[in-house]
Amino acid sequence: MNGEIIKNLNKILPVVERVHSDHHPELHQVAALYAELKQNPSREVFDKLRDVTKNYTLPEDACQAYAKVYNMLEELDKAFV
């Protein structure tokens, strides 16, 4: 997996989860699935991520960091072979 994306997600995702999870509890699942990806990348985990994020669709109140998280996850998903 892309090292630069992983590095950025490791920094940004915990902050987005902390700030937005009251209104978007699915971020807890996103963070857990991301942690699972780092341990054992698989198509199954990406399938679950797409399901939880509704194919990486941003909520209306998503900030720039939230959008960046979903964009990076989607990029990892598309690059996974």
N, C-alpha and C. Protein backbone atom coordinates (compact mmCIF):
# COMPACT_ATOMS: atom_id res chain seq x y z
N MET A 1 0.83 -1.18 0.00
CA MET A 1 0.00 0.00 0.00
C MET A 1 0.88 1.24 0.00
N ASN A 2 0.32 2.31 -0.44
CA ASN A 2 1.05 3.57 -0.60
C ASN A 2 1.49 4.13 0.75
N GLY A 3 2.78 4.20 0.96
CA GLY A 3 3.33 4.64 2.24
C GLY A 3 2.97 6.07 2.61
N GLU A 4 2.93 6.96 1.62
CA GLU A 4 2.59 8.36 1.90
C GLU A 4 1.13 8.49 2.35
N ILE A 5 0.25 7.75 1.71
CA ILE A 5 -1.17 7.79 2.10
C ILE A 5 -1.32 7.23 3.51
N ILE A 6 -0.66 6.13 3.80
CA ILE A 6 -0.73 5.52 5.13
C ILE A 6 -0.24 6.52 6.18
N LYS A 7 0.87 7.17 5.90
CA LYS A 7 1.43 8.17 6.82
C LYS A 7 0.41 9.28 7.09
N ASN A 8 -0.22 9.79 6.04
CA ASN A 8 -1.22 10.85 6.20
C ASN A 8 -2.47 10.36 6.92
N LEU A 9 -2.94 9.18 6.57
CA LEU A 9 -4.12 8.64 7.25
C LEU A 9 -3.86 8.42 8.73
N ASN A 10 -2.66 7.97 9.06
CA ASN A 10 -2.32 7.74 10.47
C ASN A 10 -2.42 9.04 11.27
N LYS A 11 -2.15 10.17 10.63
CA LYS A 11 -2.23 11.46 11.31
C LYS A 11 -3.66 12.01 11.33
N ILE A 12 -4.33 11.95 10.20
CA ILE A 12 -5.60 12.65 10.03
C ILE A 12 -6.81 11.86 10.54
N LEU A 13 -6.85 10.56 10.27
CA LEU A 13 -8.04 9.78 10.62
C LEU A 13 -8.38 9.83 12.10
N PRO A 14 -7.43 9.68 13.02
CA PRO A 14 -7.79 9.76 14.45
C PRO A 14 -8.40 11.12 14.83
N VAL A 15 -7.94 12.18 14.21
CA VAL A 15 -8.48 13.52 14.51
C VAL A 15 -9.90 13.63 13.97
N VAL A 16 -10.10 13.21 12.73
CA VAL A 16 -11.44 13.27 12.13
C VAL A 16 -12.41 12.41 12.93
N GLU A 17 -11.96 11.23 13.33
CA GLU A 17 -12.82 10.36 14.13
C GLU A 17 -13.19 11.04 15.45
N ARG A 18 -12.22 11.61 16.13
CA ARG A 18 -12.48 12.25 17.41
C ARG A 18 -13.43 13.44 17.28
N VAL A 19 -13.22 14.27 16.26
CA VAL A 19 -13.98 15.50 16.10
C VAL A 19 -15.40 15.24 15.58
N HIS A 20 -15.55 14.27 14.69
CA HIS A 20 -16.83 14.10 13.99
C HIS A 20 -17.65 12.88 14.38
N SER A 21 -17.12 12.01 15.21
CA SER A 21 -17.83 10.75 15.48
C SER A 21 -19.13 10.92 16.26
N ASP A 22 -19.30 12.02 16.98
CA ASP A 22 -20.58 12.23 17.66
C ASP A 22 -21.73 12.30 16.65
N HIS A 23 -21.48 12.95 15.52
CA HIS A 23 -22.50 13.07 14.49
C HIS A 23 -22.37 12.01 13.40
N HIS A 24 -21.22 11.36 13.36
CA HIS A 24 -20.95 10.34 12.34
C HIS A 24 -20.31 9.11 13.00
N PRO A 25 -21.10 8.33 13.73
CA PRO A 25 -20.54 7.18 14.45
C PRO A 25 -19.91 6.13 13.54
N GLU A 26 -20.24 6.16 12.26
CA GLU A 26 -19.63 5.22 11.33
C GLU A 26 -18.12 5.41 11.24
N LEU A 27 -17.63 6.57 11.67
CA LEU A 27 -16.18 6.81 11.65
C LEU A 27 -15.43 5.85 12.57
N HIS A 28 -16.10 5.37 13.62
CA HIS A 28 -15.46 4.36 14.47
C HIS A 28 -15.21 3.08 13.67
N GLN A 29 -16.18 2.70 12.85
CA GLN A 29 -16.03 1.52 12.00
C GLN A 29 -14.94 1.77 10.95
N VAL A 30 -14.95 2.96 10.37
CA VAL A 30 -13.94 3.30 9.36
C VAL A 30 -12.54 3.17 9.97
N ALA A 31 -12.36 3.71 11.17
CA ALA A 31 -11.05 3.64 11.83
C ALA A 31 -10.66 2.19 12.13
N ALA A 32 -11.62 1.40 12.59
CA ALA A 32 -11.34 -0.01 12.90
C ALA A 32 -10.98 -0.78 11.63
N LEU A 33 -11.69 -0.53 10.56
CA LEU A 33 -11.39 -1.21 9.30
C LEU A 33 -10.05 -0.77 8.74
N TYR A 34 -9.73 0.50 8.90
CA TYR A 34 -8.42 0.99 8.46
C TYR A 34 -7.30 0.29 9.24
N ALA A 35 -7.49 0.16 10.54
CA ALA A 35 -6.49 -0.55 11.36
C ALA A 35 -6.34 -1.99 10.88
N GLU A 36 -7.46 -2.61 10.53
CA GLU A 36 -7.42 -3.98 10.02
C GLU A 36 -6.67 -4.03 8.68
N LEU A 37 -6.89 -3.03 7.85
CA LEU A 37 -6.18 -2.97 6.55
C LEU A 37 -4.68 -2.92 6.73
N LYS A 38 -4.25 -2.17 7.72
CA LYS A 38 -2.80 -2.05 7.94
C LYS A 38 -2.20 -3.38 8.37
N GLN A 39 -2.97 -4.17 9.09
CA GLN A 39 -2.49 -5.47 9.55
C GLN A 39 -2.60 -6.54 8.46
N ASN A 40 -3.73 -6.50 7.74
CA ASN A 40 -4.01 -7.56 6.78
C ASN A 40 -4.82 -6.99 5.62
N PRO A 41 -4.16 -6.31 4.68
CA PRO A 41 -4.89 -5.74 3.55
C PRO A 41 -5.60 -6.83 2.75
N SER A 42 -6.88 -6.64 2.51
CA SER A 42 -7.64 -7.62 1.73
C SER A 42 -8.81 -6.95 1.03
N ARG A 43 -9.28 -7.57 -0.01
CA ARG A 43 -10.43 -7.06 -0.76
C ARG A 43 -11.66 -7.05 0.16
N GLU A 44 -11.77 -8.02 1.04
CA GLU A 44 -12.90 -8.09 1.95
C GLU A 44 -12.99 -6.85 2.84
N VAL A 45 -11.87 -6.40 3.35
CA VAL A 45 -11.87 -5.21 4.20
C VAL A 45 -12.25 -3.97 3.39
N PHE A 46 -11.73 -3.87 2.18
CA PHE A 46 -12.12 -2.74 1.33
C PHE A 46 -13.61 -2.79 1.00
N ASP A 47 -14.14 -3.99 0.80
CA ASP A 47 -15.59 -4.12 0.55
C ASP A 47 -16.38 -3.58 1.74
N LYS A 48 -15.94 -3.91 2.94
CA LYS A 48 -16.61 -3.42 4.14
C LYS A 48 -16.48 -1.90 4.25
N LEU A 49 -15.31 -1.37 3.93
CA LEU A 49 -15.11 0.08 3.96
C LEU A 49 -16.05 0.78 2.98
N ARG A 50 -16.18 0.23 1.78
CA ARG A 50 -17.09 0.83 0.81
C ARG A 50 -18.52 0.79 1.31
N ASP A 51 -18.88 -0.27 1.97
CA ASP A 51 -20.23 -0.39 2.51
C ASP A 51 -20.47 0.65 3.61
N VAL A 52 -19.56 0.74 4.56
CA VAL A 52 -19.70 1.66 5.69
C VAL A 52 -19.71 3.12 5.23
N THR A 53 -18.90 3.44 4.22
CA THR A 53 -18.78 4.83 3.75
C THR A 53 -19.72 5.14 2.59
N LYS A 54 -20.56 4.18 2.25
CA LYS A 54 -21.47 4.35 1.09
C LYS A 54 -20.66 4.74 -0.15
N ASN A 55 -19.65 3.92 -0.42
CA ASN A 55 -18.74 4.14 -1.55
C ASN A 55 -18.01 5.47 -1.45
N TYR A 56 -17.56 5.76 -0.25
CA TYR A 56 -16.76 6.96 0.03
C TYR A 56 -17.53 8.26 -0.26
N THR A 57 -18.83 8.21 -0.03
CA THR A 57 -19.67 9.39 -0.21
C THR A 57 -19.59 10.25 1.04
N LEU A 58 -19.26 11.51 0.85
CA LEU A 58 -19.10 12.43 1.98
C LEU A 58 -20.45 12.93 2.49
N PRO A 59 -20.58 13.05 3.81
CA PRO A 59 -21.79 13.68 4.33
C PRO A 59 -21.77 15.17 4.00
N GLU A 60 -22.93 15.79 4.05
CA GLU A 60 -23.03 17.21 3.69
C GLU A 60 -22.16 18.11 4.56
N ASP A 61 -21.98 17.73 5.82
CA ASP A 61 -21.22 18.58 6.73
C ASP A 61 -19.74 18.21 6.83
N ALA A 62 -19.25 17.46 5.86
CA ALA A 62 -17.85 17.02 5.89
C ALA A 62 -16.90 18.20 5.71
N CYS A 63 -15.89 18.25 6.56
CA CYS A 63 -14.87 19.28 6.43
C CYS A 63 -13.80 18.79 5.45
N GLN A 64 -12.83 19.63 5.22
CA GLN A 64 -11.76 19.31 4.28
C GLN A 64 -10.96 18.07 4.73
N ALA A 65 -10.70 17.94 6.02
CA ALA A 65 -9.95 16.79 6.52
C ALA A 65 -10.75 15.50 6.36
N TYR A 66 -12.05 15.57 6.63
CA TYR A 66 -12.94 14.42 6.47
C TYR A 66 -12.89 13.97 5.00
N ALA A 67 -13.01 14.93 4.09
CA ALA A 67 -12.96 14.62 2.66
C ALA A 67 -11.62 13.99 2.29
N LYS A 68 -10.55 14.50 2.86
CA LYS A 68 -9.22 13.97 2.55
C LYS A 68 -9.11 12.50 2.99
N VAL A 69 -9.66 12.18 4.16
CA VAL A 69 -9.63 10.80 4.65
C VAL A 69 -10.35 9.88 3.66
N TYR A 70 -11.56 10.25 3.27
CA TYR A 70 -12.32 9.41 2.35
C TYR A 70 -11.61 9.31 1.00
N ASN A 71 -11.04 10.41 0.53
CA ASN A 71 -10.33 10.38 -0.76
C ASN A 71 -9.12 9.46 -0.70
N MET A 72 -8.38 9.52 0.39
CA MET A 72 -7.19 8.66 0.52
C MET A 72 -7.59 7.19 0.64
N LEU A 73 -8.64 6.91 1.40
CA LEU A 73 -9.11 5.53 1.51
C LEU A 73 -9.57 5.00 0.14
N GLU A 74 -10.26 5.84 -0.59
CA GLU A 74 -10.71 5.43 -1.92
C GLU A 74 -9.52 5.19 -2.85
N GLU A 75 -8.51 6.03 -2.75
CA GLU A 75 -7.31 5.85 -3.56
C GLU A 75 -6.62 4.52 -3.24
N LEU A 76 -6.52 4.20 -1.96
CA LEU A 76 -5.95 2.90 -1.56
C LEU A 76 -6.77 1.76 -2.11
N ASP A 77 -8.08 1.91 -2.03
CA ASP A 77 -9.00 0.88 -2.51
C ASP A 77 -8.78 0.64 -4.00
N LYS A 78 -8.75 1.71 -4.77
CA LYS A 78 -8.59 1.57 -6.23
C LYS A 78 -7.23 0.99 -6.61
N ALA A 79 -6.22 1.26 -5.80
CA ALA A 79 -4.87 0.78 -6.12
C ALA A 79 -4.64 -0.66 -5.64
N PHE A 80 -5.52 -1.16 -4.77
CA PHE A 80 -5.32 -2.51 -4.23
C PHE A 80 -5.56 -3.55 -5.29
N VAL A 81 -4.61 -4.45 -5.43
CA VAL A 81 -4.73 -5.52 -6.42
C VAL A 81 -4.74 -6.85 -5.72
